[in-house]
Each structure stands twice: as structure tokens, then as C-alpha cells.
C-alpha atoms as a PDB file:
ATOM      1  CA  UNK A   1      12.909   8.395   1.098  1.00  0.00           C
ATOM      2  CA  UNK A   2       9.875   7.494  -0.966  1.00  0.00           C
ATOM      3  CA  UNK A   3       9.172   3.899  -1.911  1.00  0.00           C
ATOM      4  CA  UNK A   4       8.261   3.047  -5.510  1.00  0.00           C
ATOM      5  CA  UNK A   5       4.669   2.160  -4.551  1.00  0.00           C
ATOM      6  CA  UNK A   6       4.322   5.348  -2.508  1.00  0.00           C
ATOM      7  CA  UNK A   7       5.700   7.513  -5.324  1.00  0.00           C
ATOM      8  CA  UNK A   8       3.618   5.799  -8.042  1.00  0.00           C
ATOM      9  CA  UNK A   9       0.346   6.168  -6.128  1.00  0.00           C
ATOM     10  CA  UNK A  10       1.060   9.846  -5.473  1.00  0.00           C
ATOM     11  CA  UNK A  11       2.064  10.599  -9.068  1.00  0.00           C
ATOM     12  CA  UNK A  12      -1.035   8.945 -10.557  1.00  0.00           C
ATOM     13  CA  UNK A  13      -3.319  10.836  -8.186  1.00  0.00           C
ATOM     14  CA  UNK A  14      -1.511  14.136  -8.777  1.00  0.00           C
ATOM     15  CA  UNK A  15      -1.787  13.773 -12.566  1.00  0.00           C
ATOM     16  CA  UNK A  16      -5.521  13.054 -12.368  1.00  0.00           C
ATOM     17  CA  UNK A  17      -6.118  16.078 -10.165  1.00  0.00           C
ATOM     18  CA  UNK A  18      -3.966  18.325 -12.360  1.00  0.00           C
ATOM     19  CA  UNK A  19      -5.745  17.442 -15.618  1.00  0.00           C
ATOM     20  CA  UNK A  20      -9.242  17.774 -14.150  1.00  0.00           C
ATOM     21  CA  UNK A  21     -10.790  21.135 -15.132  1.00  0.00           C
ATOM     22  CA  UNK A  22     -10.027  23.851 -12.618  1.00  0.00           C
ATOM     23  CA  UNK A  23      -9.107  27.551 -12.430  1.00  0.00           C
ATOM     24  CA  UNK A  24      -5.385  27.045 -13.035  1.00  0.00           C
ATOM     25  CA  UNK A  25      -5.436  24.812 -16.085  1.00  0.00           C
ATOM     26  CA  UNK A  26      -8.374  26.688 -17.631  1.00  0.00           C
ATOM     27  CA  UNK A  27      -6.479  29.973 -17.226  1.00  0.00           C
ATOM     28  CA  UNK A  28      -3.470  28.371 -18.913  1.00  0.00           C
ATOM     29  CA  UNK A  29      -5.693  27.094 -21.706  1.00  0.00           C
ATOM     30  CA  UNK A  30      -7.383  30.481 -22.140  1.00  0.00           C
ATOM     31  CA  UNK A  31      -4.016  32.268 -22.134  1.00  0.00           C
ATOM     32  CA  UNK A  32      -2.618  29.963 -24.786  1.00  0.00           C
ATOM     33  CA  UNK A  33      -5.706  30.227 -26.989  1.00  0.00           C
ATOM     34  CA  UNK A  34      -5.908  34.022 -26.837  1.00  0.00           C
ATOM     35  CA  UNK A  35      -2.250  35.107 -26.524  1.00  0.00           C
ATOM     36  CA  UNK A  36      -0.281  32.291 -28.104  1.00  0.00           C
ATOM     37  CA  UNK A  37       1.382  29.089 -26.953  1.00  0.00           C
ATOM     38  CA  UNK A  38       4.543  30.712 -25.562  1.00  0.00           C
ATOM     39  CA  UNK A  39       2.533  32.904 -23.177  1.00  0.00           C
ATOM     40  CA  UNK A  40       0.337  29.965 -22.190  1.00  0.00           C
ATOM     41  CA  UNK A  41       3.448  27.926 -21.380  1.00  0.00           C
ATOM     42  CA  UNK A  42       5.022  30.773 -19.364  1.00  0.00           C
ATOM     43  CA  UNK A  43       1.899  31.311 -17.291  1.00  0.00           C
ATOM     44  CA  UNK A  44       1.423  27.569 -16.767  1.00  0.00           C
ATOM     45  CA  UNK A  45       4.996  27.062 -15.581  1.00  0.00           C
ATOM     46  CA  UNK A  46       4.506  29.921 -13.126  1.00  0.00           C
ATOM     47  CA  UNK A  47       1.350  28.306 -11.717  1.00  0.00           C
ATOM     48  CA  UNK A  48       3.183  24.997 -11.322  1.00  0.00           C
ATOM     49  CA  UNK A  49       6.254  26.349  -9.564  1.00  0.00           C
ATOM     50  CA  UNK A  50       4.132  28.561  -7.331  1.00  0.00           C
ATOM     51  CA  UNK A  51       3.129  25.290  -5.650  1.00  0.00           C
ATOM     52  CA  UNK A  52       6.590  25.073  -4.090  1.00  0.00           C
ATOM     53  CA  UNK A  53       5.679  27.788  -1.575  1.00  0.00           C
ATOM     54  CA  UNK A  54       2.791  25.646  -0.366  1.00  0.00           C
ATOM     55  CA  UNK A  55       5.109  22.652  -0.176  1.00  0.00           C
ATOM     56  CA  UNK A  56       7.369  24.607   2.179  1.00  0.00           C
ATOM     57  CA  UNK A  57       4.408  25.510   4.402  1.00  0.00           C
ATOM     58  CA  UNK A  58       3.286  21.886   4.453  1.00  0.00           C
ATOM     59  CA  UNK A  59       6.782  20.672   5.362  1.00  0.00           C
ATOM     60  CA  UNK A  60       7.120  23.168   8.211  1.00  0.00           C
ATOM     61  CA  UNK A  61       3.554  22.835   9.501  1.00  0.00           C
ATOM     62  CA  UNK A  62       3.109  19.077   9.380  1.00  0.00           C
ATOM     63  CA  UNK A  63       6.620  18.381  10.667  1.00  0.00           C
ATOM     64  CA  UNK A  64       6.011  20.695  13.622  1.00  0.00           C
ATOM     65  CA  UNK A  65       2.724  18.936  14.428  1.00  0.00           C
ATOM     66  CA  UNK A  66       4.363  15.513  14.272  1.00  0.00           C
ATOM     67  CA  UNK A  67       7.006  16.683  16.734  1.00  0.00           C
ATOM     68  CA  UNK A  68       4.658  18.605  19.036  1.00  0.00           C
ATOM     69  CA  UNK A  69       1.426  16.711  19.512  1.00  0.00           C
ATOM     70  CA  UNK A  70      -0.276  13.586  18.169  1.00  0.00           C
ATOM     71  CA  UNK A  71      -3.598  15.213  19.093  1.00  0.00           C
ATOM     72  CA  UNK A  72      -2.832  18.269  16.944  1.00  0.00           C
ATOM     73  CA  UNK A  73      -1.882  16.021  14.056  1.00  0.00           C
ATOM     74  CA  UNK A  74      -5.187  14.177  14.453  1.00  0.00           C
ATOM     75  CA  UNK A  75      -7.011  17.500  14.335  1.00  0.00           C
ATOM     76  CA  UNK A  76      -5.200  18.429  11.115  1.00  0.00           C
ATOM     77  CA  UNK A  77      -6.029  15.033   9.639  1.00  0.00           C
ATOM     78  CA  UNK A  78      -9.750  15.367  10.405  1.00  0.00           C
ATOM     79  CA  UNK A  79      -9.904  18.984   9.189  1.00  0.00           C
ATOM     80  CA  UNK A  80      -8.015  18.066   6.027  1.00  0.00           C
ATOM     81  CA  UNK A  81     -10.296  15.105   5.402  1.00  0.00           C
ATOM     82  CA  UNK A  82     -13.393  17.279   5.733  1.00  0.00           C
ATOM     83  CA  UNK A  83     -11.900  19.827   3.349  1.00  0.00           C
ATOM     84  CA  UNK A  84     -11.176  17.154   0.732  1.00  0.00           C
ATOM     85  CA  UNK A  85     -14.710  15.786   1.116  1.00  0.00           C
ATOM     86  CA  UNK A  86     -16.059  19.297   0.532  1.00  0.00           C
ATOM     87  CA  UNK A  87     -13.916  19.638  -2.611  1.00  0.00           C
ATOM     88  CA  UNK A  88     -15.110  16.254  -3.839  1.00  0.00           C
ATOM     89  CA  UNK A  89     -18.811  16.936  -3.361  1.00  0.00           C
ATOM     90  CA  UNK A  90     -18.449  20.345  -5.021  1.00  0.00           C
ATOM     91  CA  UNK A  91     -16.662  18.774  -8.000  1.00  0.00           C
ATOM     92  CA  UNK A  92     -19.519  16.274  -8.380  1.00  0.00           C
ATOM     93  CA  UNK A  93     -22.244  18.875  -7.910  1.00  0.00           C
ATOM     94  CA  UNK A  94     -20.761  21.421 -10.327  1.00  0.00           C
ATOM     95  CA  UNK A  95     -19.302  19.010 -12.879  1.00  0.00           C
ATOM     96  CA  UNK A  96     -18.825  20.803 -16.166  1.00  0.00           C
ATOM     97  CA  UNK A  97     -19.807  24.191 -14.747  1.00  0.00           C
ATOM     98  CA  UNK A  98     -16.369  25.756 -15.235  1.00  0.00           C
ATOM     99  CA  UNK A  99     -15.801  27.352 -18.630  1.00  0.00           C
ATOM    100  CA  UNK A 100     -12.702  28.501 -20.454  1.00  0.00           C
ATOM    101  CA  UNK A 101     -12.140  32.218 -20.017  1.00  0.00           C
ATOM    102  CA  UNK A 102      -9.882  33.878 -22.543  1.00  0.00           C
ATOM    103  CA  UNK A 103      -7.072  35.753 -20.862  1.00  0.00           C
ATOM    104  CA  UNK A 104      -7.477  39.496 -20.735  1.00  0.00           C
ATOM    105  CA  UNK A 105      -4.861  42.155 -21.274  1.00  0.00           C
ATOM    106  CA  UNK A 106      -2.231  42.933 -23.869  1.00  0.00           C
ATOM    107  CA  UNK A 107       0.823  40.954 -24.847  1.00  0.00           C
ATOM    108  CA  UNK A 108       3.033  40.837 -21.759  1.00  0.00           C
ATOM    109  CA  UNK A 109       6.662  39.716 -21.452  1.00  0.00           C
ATOM    110  CA  UNK A 110       7.037  36.015 -20.772  1.00  0.00           C
ATOM    111  CA  UNK A 111       8.908  36.624 -17.512  1.00  0.00           C
ATOM    112  CA  UNK A 112       6.055  38.754 -16.201  1.00  0.00           C
ATOM    113  CA  UNK A 113       3.495  36.105 -17.099  1.00  0.00           C
ATOM    114  CA  UNK A 114       5.620  33.481 -15.344  1.00  0.00           C
ATOM    115  CA  UNK A 115       5.705  35.636 -12.193  1.00  0.00           C
ATOM    116  CA  UNK A 116       1.954  36.225 -12.461  1.00  0.00           C
ATOM    117  CA  UNK A 117       1.398  32.488 -12.537  1.00  0.00           C
ATOM    118  CA  UNK A 118       3.657  32.028  -9.517  1.00  0.00           C
ATOM    119  CA  UNK A 119       1.817  34.710  -7.566  1.00  0.00           C
ATOM    120  CA  UNK A 120      -1.615  33.411  -8.575  1.00  0.00           C
ATOM    121  CA  UNK A 121      -0.704  30.056  -7.057  1.00  0.00           C
ATOM    122  CA  UNK A 122       1.410  31.223  -4.123  1.00  0.00           C
ATOM    123  CA  UNK A 123      -1.123  33.671  -2.626  1.00  0.00           C
ATOM    124  CA  UNK A 124      -4.129  31.377  -3.013  1.00  0.00           C
ATOM    125  CA  UNK A 125      -5.124  30.140   0.477  1.00  0.00           C
ATOM    126  CA  UNK A 126      -7.195  27.353  -1.059  1.00  0.00           C
ATOM    127  CA  UNK A 127      -4.046  25.852  -2.559  1.00  0.00           C
ATOM    128  CA  UNK A 128      -2.375  25.998   0.863  1.00  0.00           C
ATOM    129  CA  UNK A 129      -5.287  24.127   2.428  1.00  0.00           C
ATOM    130  CA  UNK A 130      -5.202  21.593  -0.374  1.00  0.00           C
ATOM    131  CA  UNK A 131      -1.500  20.881   0.086  1.00  0.00           C
ATOM    132  CA  UNK A 132      -1.865  20.576   3.866  1.00  0.00           C
ATOM    133  CA  UNK A 133      -4.655  18.057   3.264  1.00  0.00           C
ATOM    134  CA  UNK A 134      -3.259  16.188   0.265  1.00  0.00           C
ATOM    135  CA  UNK A 135       0.469  15.674   0.793  1.00  0.00           C
ATOM    136  CA  UNK A 136       0.361  14.059   4.281  1.00  0.00           C
ATOM    137  CA  UNK A 137      -1.767  11.185   2.989  1.00  0.00           C
ATOM    138  CA  UNK A 138       1.157   9.816   1.026  1.00  0.00           C
ATOM    139  CA  UNK A 139       3.668  10.123   3.847  1.00  0.00           C
ATOM    140  CA  UNK A 140       4.687   6.909   5.635  1.00  0.00           C
ATOM    141  CA  UNK A 141       5.931   7.925   9.113  1.00  0.00           C
ATOM    142  CA  UNK A 142       7.539   4.513   9.603  1.00  0.00           C
ATOM    143  CA  UNK A 143       9.963   5.371   6.799  1.00  0.00           C
ATOM    144  CA  UNK A 144      11.245   8.325   8.819  1.00  0.00           C
ATOM    145  CA  UNK A 145      12.172  11.871   7.685  1.00  0.00           C
ATOM    146  CA  UNK A 146       8.585  13.103   7.393  1.00  0.00           C
ATOM    147  CA  UNK A 147       9.738  16.550   6.278  1.00  0.00           C
ATOM    148  CA  UNK A 148      11.888  15.084   3.505  1.00  0.00           C
ATOM    149  CA  UNK A 149       9.006  12.909   2.288  1.00  0.00           C
ATOM    150  CA  UNK A 150       6.687  15.935   2.183  1.00  0.00           C
ATOM    151  CA  UNK A 151       9.289  17.971   0.335  1.00  0.00           C
ATOM    152  CA  UNK A 152       9.860  15.288  -2.293  1.00  0.00           C
ATOM    153  CA  UNK A 153       6.111  14.855  -2.802  1.00  0.00           C
ATOM    154  CA  UNK A 154       5.616  18.592  -3.188  1.00  0.00           C
ATOM    155  CA  UNK A 155       8.454  18.874  -5.695  1.00  0.00           C
ATOM    156  CA  UNK A 156       7.015  15.915  -7.606  1.00  0.00           C
ATOM    157  CA  UNK A 157       3.623  17.625  -7.728  1.00  0.00           C
ATOM    158  CA  UNK A 158       5.164  20.867  -9.015  1.00  0.00           C
ATOM    159  CA  UNK A 159       7.219  19.073 -11.688  1.00  0.00           C
ATOM    160  CA  UNK A 160       4.327  17.033 -13.049  1.00  0.00           C
ATOM    161  CA  UNK A 161       2.155  20.160 -13.058  1.00  0.00           C
ATOM    162  CA  UNK A 162       4.892  22.020 -14.957  1.00  0.00           C
ATOM    163  CA  UNK A 163       4.993  19.271 -17.610  1.00  0.00           C
ATOM    164  CA  UNK A 164       1.204  19.077 -17.969  1.00  0.00           C
ATOM    165  CA  UNK A 165       0.633  22.842 -17.896  1.00  0.00           C
ATOM    166  CA  UNK A 166       3.469  23.317 -20.395  1.00  0.00           C
ATOM    167  CA  UNK A 167       1.889  20.788 -22.740  1.00  0.00           C
ATOM    168  CA  UNK A 168      -1.508  22.398 -22.219  1.00  0.00           C
ATOM    169  CA  UNK A 169      -0.110  25.818 -23.140  1.00  0.00           C
ATOM    170  CA  UNK A 170       1.684  24.409 -26.186  1.00  0.00           C
ATOM    171  CA  UNK A 171      -1.353  22.525 -27.484  1.00  0.00           C
ATOM    172  CA  UNK A 172      -3.919  25.046 -26.202  1.00  0.00           C
ATOM    173  CA  UNK A 173      -5.527  25.625 -29.596  1.00  0.00           C
ATOM    174  CA  UNK A 174      -5.891  21.911 -30.295  1.00  0.00           C
ATOM    175  CA  UNK A 175      -7.143  21.179 -26.763  1.00  0.00           C
ATOM    176  CA  UNK A 176      -9.664  24.010 -26.923  1.00  0.00           C
ATOM    177  CA  UNK A 177     -11.054  22.720 -30.218  1.00  0.00           C
ATOM    178  CA  UNK A 178     -11.236  19.167 -28.837  1.00  0.00           C
ATOM    179  CA  UNK A 179     -13.128  20.325 -25.739  1.00  0.00           C
ATOM    180  CA  UNK A 180     -15.580  22.221 -27.963  1.00  0.00           C
ATOM    181  CA  UNK A 181     -16.189  19.032 -29.954  1.00  0.00           C
ATOM    182  CA  UNK A 182     -16.460  16.866 -26.810  1.00  0.00           C
ATOM    183  CA  UNK A 183     -18.354  18.913 -24.206  1.00  0.00           C
ATOM    184  CA  UNK A 184     -18.898  15.775 -22.104  1.00  0.00           C
ATOM    185  CA  UNK A 185     -15.163  15.417 -21.409  1.00  0.00           C
ATOM    186  CA  UNK A 186     -15.022  18.220 -18.822  1.00  0.00           C
ATOM    187  CA  UNK A 187     -17.842  16.863 -16.630  1.00  0.00           C
ATOM    188  CA  UNK A 188     -16.332  13.362 -16.746  1.00  0.00           C
ATOM    189  CA  UNK A 189     -12.971  14.668 -15.526  1.00  0.00           C
ATOM    190  CA  UNK A 190     -14.736  16.697 -12.831  1.00  0.00           C
ATOM    191  CA  UNK A 191     -16.566  13.619 -11.587  1.00  0.00           C
ATOM    192  CA  UNK A 192     -13.386  11.542 -11.596  1.00  0.00           C
ATOM    193  CA  UNK A 193     -11.600  14.223  -9.576  1.00  0.00           C
ATOM    194  CA  UNK A 194     -14.566  14.470  -7.200  1.00  0.00           C
ATOM    195  CA  UNK A 195     -14.462  10.738  -6.512  1.00  0.00           C
ATOM    196  CA  UNK A 196     -10.708  10.925  -5.907  1.00  0.00           C
ATOM    197  CA  UNK A 197     -11.147  13.847  -3.492  1.00  0.00           C
ATOM    198  CA  UNK A 198     -13.847  12.019  -1.532  1.00  0.00           C
ATOM    199  CA  UNK A 199     -11.776   8.846  -1.373  1.00  0.00           C
ATOM    200  CA  UNK A 200      -8.729  10.784  -0.179  1.00  0.00           C
ATOM    201  CA  UNK A 201     -10.800  12.640   2.404  1.00  0.00           C
ATOM    202  CA  UNK A 202     -12.222   9.449   3.868  1.00  0.00           C
ATOM    203  CA  UNK A 203      -8.804   7.820   3.854  1.00  0.00           C
ATOM    204  CA  UNK A 204      -7.266  10.770   5.663  1.00  0.00           C
ATOM    205  CA  UNK A 205      -9.963  10.895   8.363  1.00  0.00           C
ATOM    206  CA  UNK A 206      -9.817   7.180   9.127  1.00  0.00           C
ATOM    207  CA  UNK A 207      -6.093   6.637   8.713  1.00  0.00           C
ATOM    208  CA  UNK A 208      -4.241   5.413  11.785  1.00  0.00           C
END
């Protein structure tokens, strides 16, 4: 099981990464601003719960590596660390470059928008790479049940994303107006996320 310190560190990091400007939350924001809060919430919940498919892949993949080969696990750790470093440097270099894009299309049923959000997340290979790199850093092998720890972390990530994306969809009009009045907020969040990514990448590569 997860310890309180382990869970708290993961949750704080996950929240920071979720609120930093990115394709998912900006699509939720654009959907809510252009199509209404209910459609923004539906799409955001879909994006959040689509993360569960990546959690399953992480549980199966990392657990298999732990059982099969310490060398393979080291290779995954180094590759994941490099990927997180790349994400971090890109976030710093392009801070504030992402803009809100109003959602296109006509008014769709909420269930369809939820499924669209799920698919947008589930079929994105970048999200898979992120989960394979991010989740293992908060696993403590000495606590046992590596697969269970990964599963609980992934579910935690999906639940906090569902809450934050739901709130973002609900308050999309207010948030959009606030961002227009405070254009410096986006770059600051990007830089904070970039620093977190770089720190996580270095930690993953040098972890024992």
C-alpha cells in the first residue's frame, strides 16, 4: 500500500502537472467556453478517465520488468528520465506558447463528448510514455506489491484530473476571462511544470 508521505508527494506533483497549461486542459477550457459548461465537464471527465488505460499499461509493463530483469528496469528508468527532461526543457523553452483553441463542431451529446475525451487520452502515445516515466518514481519497491502501488497511483492521478478538469469545465468562462486579464499566469505555470519535469527526470535517472 501507499504511505502517507508517498501519496502526498505524488498528489501534489500530479496536481501541479494537471493545472499547468497543456493540450488536455486547454481543450477542456475551449470546449467549456464555446459549447457550455456541461460539455466542457463531459469532455474533461473523459480525458481524465482515459488515463486509466495508460495506468494498466504501466502496471503490466513495469511489473513485468521488475520480475524479468533489473537491467531492463534500469533501461526503462534511464529512458523515462530522458523523456521527462525533454518535456521539462520544452516546457521552459515554449512557456506561454500554447493558446486556448475554441472547440469546433456542433452541440454533441454529453456521452459522445465523454467518449471523445477518453479516446483522445487513451490513444495518445505521449501520455503512455509519460505514465511509464512518471508513475514508477513514486513506487517504493521495499513496500512490496509494485503493481498495486502503480495501480493506486494511476487511479489517484485520474481522480484528481477528473476533479480539476470538471472544475475547469464548470468555471471555463471565468477562467478564460482571468487568463485574458493575466497573460503572465500561463508562462509561470509552464515554467513551474518544466522545473518539476526536469527534477523528476534527474531523480528517475539517478535513483537506486
